[in-house]
């Protein structure tokens, strides 16, 4: 039989876990002043450009026939390469519509970050294949989401096709709900 002191300790731990707030993982929310600090390209036809980053790294340890891989991931907005032509924003509605479109690029990058992490962490690696497989998988995942970035701009006409933008917004909402 478990001593009363141990039962109380187990009860406290279980109760604490039940009431501990669970962290919701969410992408950055764009803001013109915070995330768009680069000088706009005067030759560009676009009103804004959002530059995102995705980086991964890993450390491998081999002991005998056992392989352990510890990954680390980084993603987000590169504010020093993102820009907006403020003179193209005529009113609040234009600002809101454009910022919403640019937010879509952040959502795609977030999906790359989270799905890339899951894919890379959960592959079956061997001592013989892990370096090649990590590199190939990261390139494949990156290409998939880079292609999605281009398709997003093409299909939405860089945010000017509001009907298609709404379809993408619904897609983002559905995908982000998984996190």
Protein backbone atom coordinates (compact mmCIF):
# COMPACT_ATOMS: atom_id res chain seq x y z
CA UNK A 1 0.00 0.00 0.00
CA UNK A 2 1.27 3.49 -0.92
CA UNK A 3 1.98 5.82 2.01
CA UNK A 4 -0.44 8.74 2.39
CA UNK A 5 2.39 11.22 1.74
CA UNK A 6 3.07 9.64 -1.70
CA UNK A 7 -0.63 9.57 -2.59
CA UNK A 8 -0.88 13.28 -1.77
CA UNK A 9 2.18 14.03 -3.90
CA UNK A 10 0.74 12.09 -6.87
CA UNK A 11 -2.58 13.93 -6.45
CA UNK A 12 -0.84 17.32 -6.40
CA UNK A 13 1.19 16.47 -9.54
CA UNK A 14 -1.86 15.21 -11.46
CA UNK A 15 -3.91 18.23 -10.39
CA UNK A 16 -1.11 20.62 -11.38
CA UNK A 17 -0.83 19.01 -14.81
CA UNK A 18 -4.58 19.21 -15.34
CA UNK A 19 -4.61 22.95 -14.68
CA UNK A 20 -1.36 23.87 -16.38
CA UNK A 21 -2.14 26.03 -19.40
CA UNK A 22 -1.13 24.33 -22.63
CA UNK A 23 0.90 26.48 -24.96
CA UNK A 24 -0.78 27.08 -28.30
CA UNK A 25 1.69 27.15 -31.12
CA UNK A 26 0.90 29.97 -33.52
CA UNK A 27 2.61 31.84 -36.33
CA UNK A 28 3.70 35.44 -36.02
CA UNK A 29 1.02 38.07 -36.64
CA UNK A 30 2.32 40.62 -39.13
CA UNK A 31 2.49 44.30 -38.40
CA UNK A 32 3.63 46.90 -40.94
CA UNK A 33 5.95 48.67 -38.51
CA UNK A 34 7.55 45.62 -36.94
CA UNK A 35 7.95 43.22 -39.85
CA UNK A 36 8.60 45.46 -42.89
CA UNK A 37 11.81 47.40 -42.28
CA UNK A 38 13.68 46.96 -45.56
CA UNK A 39 13.77 49.65 -48.23
CA UNK A 40 11.17 48.90 -50.92
CA UNK A 41 12.37 47.88 -54.35
CA UNK A 42 11.39 50.84 -56.60
CA UNK A 43 11.47 48.57 -59.67
CA UNK A 44 9.03 46.06 -58.23
CA UNK A 45 5.36 46.07 -59.27
CA UNK A 46 4.40 44.75 -55.84
CA UNK A 47 3.19 46.85 -52.94
CA UNK A 48 4.84 44.60 -50.35
CA UNK A 49 7.18 41.65 -50.04
CA UNK A 50 7.37 39.33 -47.05
CA UNK A 51 10.65 37.49 -46.69
CA UNK A 52 10.53 34.38 -44.55
CA UNK A 53 13.22 32.05 -43.28
CA UNK A 54 13.36 28.36 -42.46
CA UNK A 55 16.45 26.78 -41.01
CA UNK A 56 17.15 23.44 -39.48
CA UNK A 57 20.13 21.83 -37.87
CA UNK A 58 20.88 18.63 -36.09
CA UNK A 59 23.41 16.92 -33.93
CA UNK A 60 23.92 13.20 -34.27
CA UNK A 61 25.36 10.82 -31.74
CA UNK A 62 26.37 7.28 -32.58
CA UNK A 63 27.09 4.81 -29.80
CA UNK A 64 27.70 1.33 -31.11
CA UNK A 65 24.76 0.62 -33.41
CA UNK A 66 22.52 3.27 -31.85
CA UNK A 67 21.88 6.55 -33.64
CA UNK A 68 20.39 9.55 -31.88
CA UNK A 69 19.54 12.72 -33.79
CA UNK A 70 18.63 15.96 -32.02
CA UNK A 71 17.06 18.51 -34.39
CA UNK A 72 16.57 22.23 -33.99
CA UNK A 73 14.37 24.39 -36.21
CA UNK A 74 13.97 28.11 -36.79
CA UNK A 75 11.42 29.93 -38.91
CA UNK A 76 9.80 33.30 -39.17
CA UNK A 77 9.80 36.66 -40.88
CA UNK A 78 13.00 38.37 -41.94
CA UNK A 79 12.00 41.96 -41.19
CA UNK A 80 15.23 43.31 -42.64
CA UNK A 81 14.39 41.86 -46.06
CA UNK A 82 10.61 42.47 -45.99
CA UNK A 83 9.27 45.77 -47.28
CA UNK A 84 6.13 47.73 -48.04
CA UNK A 85 5.49 50.69 -50.30
CA UNK A 86 3.45 52.79 -47.91
CA UNK A 87 2.41 55.18 -50.68
CA UNK A 88 0.46 52.27 -52.27
CA UNK A 89 -1.71 51.92 -49.17
CA UNK A 90 -4.52 54.39 -49.80
CA UNK A 91 -6.79 53.52 -46.87
CA UNK A 92 -7.41 51.07 -44.02
CA UNK A 93 -9.20 48.55 -46.21
CA UNK A 94 -6.29 48.37 -48.68
CA UNK A 95 -3.89 48.05 -45.76
CA UNK A 96 -5.97 45.28 -44.16
CA UNK A 97 -6.34 43.37 -47.45
CA UNK A 98 -2.65 43.61 -48.31
CA UNK A 99 -1.50 42.70 -44.81
CA UNK A 100 -3.85 39.70 -44.84
CA UNK A 101 -2.30 38.51 -48.10
CA UNK A 102 1.22 38.94 -46.72
CA UNK A 103 0.12 37.06 -43.58
CA UNK A 104 -0.61 34.10 -45.87
CA UNK A 105 3.08 33.91 -46.70
CA UNK A 106 3.82 33.70 -42.98
CA UNK A 107 1.24 30.92 -42.61
CA UNK A 108 2.87 28.91 -45.40
CA UNK A 109 6.25 29.38 -43.74
CA UNK A 110 4.77 28.26 -40.42
CA UNK A 111 3.38 25.12 -42.07
CA UNK A 112 6.84 24.48 -43.49
CA UNK A 113 8.34 24.91 -40.03
CA UNK A 114 5.91 22.64 -38.18
CA UNK A 115 5.36 19.98 -40.86
CA UNK A 116 9.04 19.96 -41.77
CA UNK A 117 9.85 19.37 -38.12
CA UNK A 118 7.41 16.47 -37.89
CA UNK A 119 8.61 14.86 -41.12
CA UNK A 120 12.29 15.18 -40.28
CA UNK A 121 11.95 14.00 -36.69
CA UNK A 122 9.84 10.97 -37.52
CA UNK A 123 11.73 9.35 -40.37
CA UNK A 124 13.42 5.99 -40.08
CA UNK A 125 17.10 6.84 -40.09
CA UNK A 126 20.01 4.46 -40.07
CA UNK A 127 23.66 5.14 -39.38
CA UNK A 128 24.31 4.62 -43.07
CA UNK A 129 21.57 6.88 -44.49
CA UNK A 130 20.80 9.64 -42.01
CA UNK A 131 23.01 12.41 -43.45
CA UNK A 132 21.80 11.89 -46.99
CA UNK A 133 18.18 11.34 -45.93
CA UNK A 134 18.02 14.42 -43.68
CA UNK A 135 19.43 16.58 -46.49
CA UNK A 136 17.15 15.14 -49.18
CA UNK A 137 14.03 15.34 -47.02
CA UNK A 138 14.73 18.93 -45.97
CA UNK A 139 15.21 19.92 -49.62
CA UNK A 140 12.00 18.15 -50.67
CA UNK A 141 9.95 19.72 -47.87
CA UNK A 142 11.43 23.16 -48.56
CA UNK A 143 10.68 22.85 -52.29
CA UNK A 144 7.08 21.78 -51.60
CA UNK A 145 6.42 24.89 -49.50
CA UNK A 146 8.38 27.23 -51.79
CA UNK A 147 6.19 25.97 -54.64
CA UNK A 148 3.15 26.62 -52.44
CA UNK A 149 4.35 30.22 -51.87
CA UNK A 150 4.55 30.75 -55.63
CA UNK A 151 1.18 29.07 -56.26
CA UNK A 152 -0.39 31.23 -53.53
CA UNK A 153 0.79 34.44 -55.21
CA UNK A 154 -0.16 33.24 -58.68
CA UNK A 155 -3.63 32.01 -57.75
CA UNK A 156 -4.51 35.06 -55.62
CA UNK A 157 -2.89 37.43 -58.11
CA UNK A 158 -0.78 38.68 -55.20
CA UNK A 159 -3.88 39.20 -53.09
CA UNK A 160 -5.96 41.10 -55.63
CA UNK A 161 -8.34 38.18 -56.37
CA UNK A 162 -10.36 38.40 -53.17
CA UNK A 163 -12.46 35.30 -53.88
CA UNK A 164 -9.40 33.07 -54.30
CA UNK A 165 -7.75 34.79 -51.32
CA UNK A 166 -10.75 33.74 -49.20
CA UNK A 167 -10.27 30.12 -50.29
CA UNK A 168 -6.62 30.25 -49.27
CA UNK A 169 -7.59 31.92 -45.97
CA UNK A 170 -9.96 29.00 -45.29
CA UNK A 171 -7.17 26.54 -46.15
CA UNK A 172 -4.81 28.31 -43.73
CA UNK A 173 -7.41 28.27 -40.97
CA UNK A 174 -7.96 24.53 -41.44
CA UNK A 175 -4.25 23.70 -41.52
CA UNK A 176 -3.29 25.98 -38.62
CA UNK A 177 -6.03 24.46 -36.44
CA UNK A 178 -3.90 21.29 -36.33
CA UNK A 179 -1.37 23.17 -34.19
